[in-house]
Protein backbone atom coordinates (compact mmCIF):
# COMPACT_ATOMS: atom_id res chain seq x y z
CA MET A 1 146.44 119.01 90.87
CA ALA A 2 146.61 118.32 94.58
CA LYS A 3 146.46 121.22 96.97
CA ARG A 4 149.56 121.51 99.10
CA ASP A 5 148.67 122.82 102.54
CA VAL A 6 152.03 122.08 104.14
CA LEU A 7 155.17 123.98 103.28
CA ARG A 8 157.64 121.42 101.99
CA LEU A 9 160.63 123.25 103.52
CA GLY A 10 158.91 123.97 106.82
CA PRO A 11 157.94 127.32 108.35
CA SER A 12 159.26 130.38 106.60
CA GLY A 13 160.79 132.04 109.66
CA ALA A 14 161.84 135.56 110.59
CA ASN A 15 163.71 136.20 107.34
CA THR A 16 160.45 136.27 105.39
CA ILE A 17 158.89 139.21 103.61
CA HIS A 18 155.48 139.57 101.97
CA ILE A 19 155.11 141.06 98.50
CA CYS A 20 151.54 141.93 97.63
CA VAL A 21 151.25 142.45 93.89
CA ASP A 22 149.07 145.16 92.36
CA MET A 23 146.11 145.42 94.70
CA HIS A 24 145.12 148.93 93.69
CA TRP A 25 142.04 150.56 92.22
CA MET A 26 143.05 149.96 88.60
CA PHE A 27 142.29 146.26 89.10
CA ALA A 28 139.38 146.70 91.52
CA GLU A 29 137.32 149.23 89.56
CA ASP A 30 135.35 148.77 86.36
CA THR A 31 138.30 149.11 83.95
CA GLU A 32 139.57 146.92 81.11
CA TRP A 33 141.90 145.34 83.64
CA ARG A 34 139.35 144.63 86.35
CA THR A 35 140.13 141.40 88.13
CA PRO A 36 136.82 139.73 89.04
CA TRP A 37 138.25 137.87 92.05
CA PHE A 38 139.85 141.00 93.50
CA ASP A 39 137.37 141.49 96.35
CA ARG A 40 137.61 137.84 97.41
CA LEU A 41 141.35 138.19 98.01
CA ILE A 42 141.19 141.15 100.37
CA PRO A 43 140.43 139.23 103.62
CA SER A 44 143.32 136.79 103.07
CA ILE A 45 145.77 139.52 102.14
CA VAL A 46 144.72 141.65 105.10
CA ALA A 47 145.24 138.68 107.45
CA ILE A 48 148.70 137.98 106.04
CA THR A 49 149.75 141.64 106.11
CA ALA A 50 148.41 142.24 109.61
CA ARG A 51 150.75 139.61 111.07
CA HIS A 52 153.91 141.57 110.11
CA PRO A 53 153.07 144.83 108.31
CA GLU A 54 156.68 145.97 108.68
CA ARG A 55 157.70 143.07 106.39
CA ALA A 56 155.15 143.87 103.67
CA THR A 57 155.73 145.60 100.35
CA PHE A 58 152.85 146.49 98.05
CA THR A 59 153.82 146.72 94.40
CA ARG A 60 151.83 148.95 92.09
CA PHE A 61 151.86 148.61 88.32
CA ILE A 62 151.90 152.23 87.13
CA PRO A 63 150.69 152.62 83.54
CA ALA A 64 151.92 155.29 81.15
CA ARG A 65 150.64 158.80 81.71
CA SER A 66 149.28 159.01 78.15
CA SER A 67 148.94 157.06 74.94
CA GLY A 68 152.20 156.69 73.03
CA GLN A 69 154.46 156.93 76.06
CA GLY A 70 156.86 154.16 76.99
CA ALA A 71 159.83 152.46 75.38
CA GLY A 72 159.75 149.83 72.67
CA MET A 73 156.78 147.49 72.86
CA TRP A 74 155.41 149.30 75.94
CA ARG A 75 154.86 152.34 73.71
CA ARG A 76 152.84 150.23 71.29
CA TYR A 77 151.02 148.63 74.21
CA TYR A 78 149.78 152.00 75.49
CA GLU A 79 148.84 153.14 71.98
CA ARG A 80 146.50 150.14 71.85
CA ARG A 81 145.42 150.46 75.50
CA SER A 82 145.02 154.22 75.73
CA SER A 83 141.97 153.74 77.96
CA MET A 84 144.32 152.41 80.66
CA THR A 85 146.56 155.46 80.94
CA ILE A 86 146.75 157.80 83.93
CA ASP A 87 145.37 160.68 81.83
CA ARG A 88 142.24 158.66 81.04
CA LEU A 89 141.74 156.98 84.43
CA GLY A 90 143.03 159.68 86.77
CA PRO A 91 145.94 159.50 89.21
CA ASP A 92 143.89 157.92 92.03
CA ILE A 93 143.57 154.71 90.00
CA VAL A 94 147.01 153.62 91.26
CA ASP A 95 146.15 154.09 94.95
CA LEU A 96 146.02 150.97 97.07
CA VAL A 97 142.54 149.96 98.16
CA PRO A 98 141.80 151.28 101.68
CA GLU A 99 141.87 147.84 103.34
CA LEU A 100 145.57 147.60 102.41
CA ALA A 101 146.60 151.26 102.34
CA CYS A 102 146.05 151.42 106.10
CA PHE A 103 149.18 149.25 106.57
CA VAL A 104 151.46 151.88 104.97
CA PRO A 105 153.61 152.66 106.92
CA PRO A 106 155.18 150.48 108.25
CA ALA A 107 154.52 148.51 105.05
CA THR A 108 156.13 150.02 101.97
CA ILE A 109 155.03 150.68 98.40
CA TYR A 110 157.14 149.89 95.37
CA ASP A 111 156.05 151.33 92.02
CA LYS A 112 156.91 149.57 88.79
CA HIS A 113 156.22 150.34 85.14
CA VAL A 114 156.69 146.73 83.99
CA TYR A 115 155.35 143.44 85.26
CA SER A 116 158.29 142.50 87.48
CA PRO A 117 159.49 144.48 90.50
CA SER A 118 162.95 142.90 89.96
CA THR A 119 163.49 144.33 86.48
CA GLY A 120 165.52 147.52 86.32
CA SER A 121 165.63 147.93 90.09
CA ASP A 122 167.81 147.21 93.07
CA LEU A 123 164.93 145.64 94.99
CA HIS A 124 166.57 142.20 95.06
CA LEU A 125 169.80 143.69 96.44
CA ARG A 126 167.92 145.50 99.19
CA ARG A 127 166.25 142.19 100.07
CA ARG A 128 169.65 140.49 100.29
CA GLU A 129 171.02 143.29 102.51
CA LYS A 130 168.17 142.59 104.94
CA LEU A 131 168.99 138.85 104.84
CA VAL A 132 165.64 137.95 103.33
CA GLY A 133 165.41 134.26 102.52
CA THR A 134 161.72 133.74 101.77
CA ILE A 135 159.26 135.82 99.80
CA VAL A 136 155.55 135.24 100.31
CA VAL A 137 153.64 136.42 97.23
CA THR A 138 149.99 137.48 97.09
CA GLY A 139 147.93 139.63 94.71
CA GLY A 140 147.17 139.64 91.02
CA GLU A 141 147.35 138.42 88.38
CA THR A 142 148.44 134.79 88.56
CA GLU A 143 149.91 134.59 85.07
CA VAL A 144 151.17 138.17 84.65
CA CYS A 145 152.57 140.26 87.52
CA VAL A 146 152.47 137.46 90.12
CA LEU A 147 154.37 135.29 87.64
CA ALA A 148 156.92 138.05 86.95
CA THR A 149 157.36 138.64 90.69
CA ALA A 150 157.81 134.93 91.40
CA LEU A 151 160.27 134.44 88.53
CA GLY A 152 162.33 137.42 89.66
CA ALA A 153 162.49 136.00 93.17
CA ILE A 154 163.41 132.56 91.80
CA ASP A 155 166.16 134.05 89.63
CA TRP A 156 167.63 135.79 92.68
CA ALA A 157 167.55 132.48 94.63
CA PHE A 158 164.83 133.33 97.14
CA ARG A 159 162.44 130.74 98.48
CA VAL A 160 159.01 131.60 97.05
CA VAL A 161 155.73 130.83 98.81
CA LEU A 162 152.53 131.48 96.86
CA VAL A 163 149.43 131.78 99.02
CA THR A 164 146.83 130.15 96.80
CA ASP A 165 143.80 131.82 98.39
CA ALA A 166 145.48 135.23 98.17
CA PHE A 167 146.19 135.62 94.46
CA CYS A 168 144.03 135.60 91.37
CA SER A 169 143.58 136.12 87.67
CA SER A 170 140.97 137.51 85.33
CA ALA A 171 140.40 134.09 83.80
CA ASP A 172 139.96 130.74 85.56
CA GLU A 173 141.49 128.82 82.64
CA THR A 174 144.81 130.68 82.65
CA HIS A 175 144.91 130.77 86.46
CA ASP A 176 144.52 126.99 86.63
CA ALA A 177 147.10 126.45 83.89
CA MET A 178 149.58 128.71 85.66
CA MET A 179 148.99 126.93 88.97
CA ALA A 180 150.00 123.68 87.26
CA VAL A 181 153.15 125.37 85.96
CA TYR A 182 154.03 126.72 89.41
CA LEU A 183 153.59 123.34 91.08
CA ASN A 184 155.12 121.17 88.37
CA ARG A 185 157.76 123.22 86.57
CA PHE A 186 158.90 125.36 89.52
CA GLY A 187 158.31 122.76 92.22
CA GLU A 188 161.85 123.10 93.61
CA GLN A 189 161.63 126.89 94.02
CA VAL A 190 157.95 127.52 94.63
CA GLU A 191 155.76 126.22 97.44
């Protein structure tokens, strides 16, 4: 897989926003969902955010408060993953890490209880109202919430730019496989 350093469609322009996916303590601390590459991403994400903090949105995956909460399969999920609930981890676990929290405001925070920020929300409509054309995606994880964020943006016809040194996974194998999918299967929508 060749690295693509040049944006195929040219510079992203003033109608670009940055969505930073799930860079909060739940994935930085020693939890079941710890992302080993988390700390390596911070400098790149800080550099991207610092350029236009007013165009940045930080999504936060908010788990169920306690085991057995949630609808459908999410209920079952939190029965099996009770160690990852707010009651077990404490409410601070969903706080952004300080290196990124300092950008809020003007950056915004968007909380979600599922992988995608586009599901069950009007986020895509608010983006359209602001004439957003391009969404730059950073954060974690490559094959879960980053994927869901990218697919939502693709479905709503946004140009998607993935910053390869600013997103990560818990496993190299699935990260690499997902990178191949992004570049080969979504090559028209994703740069």
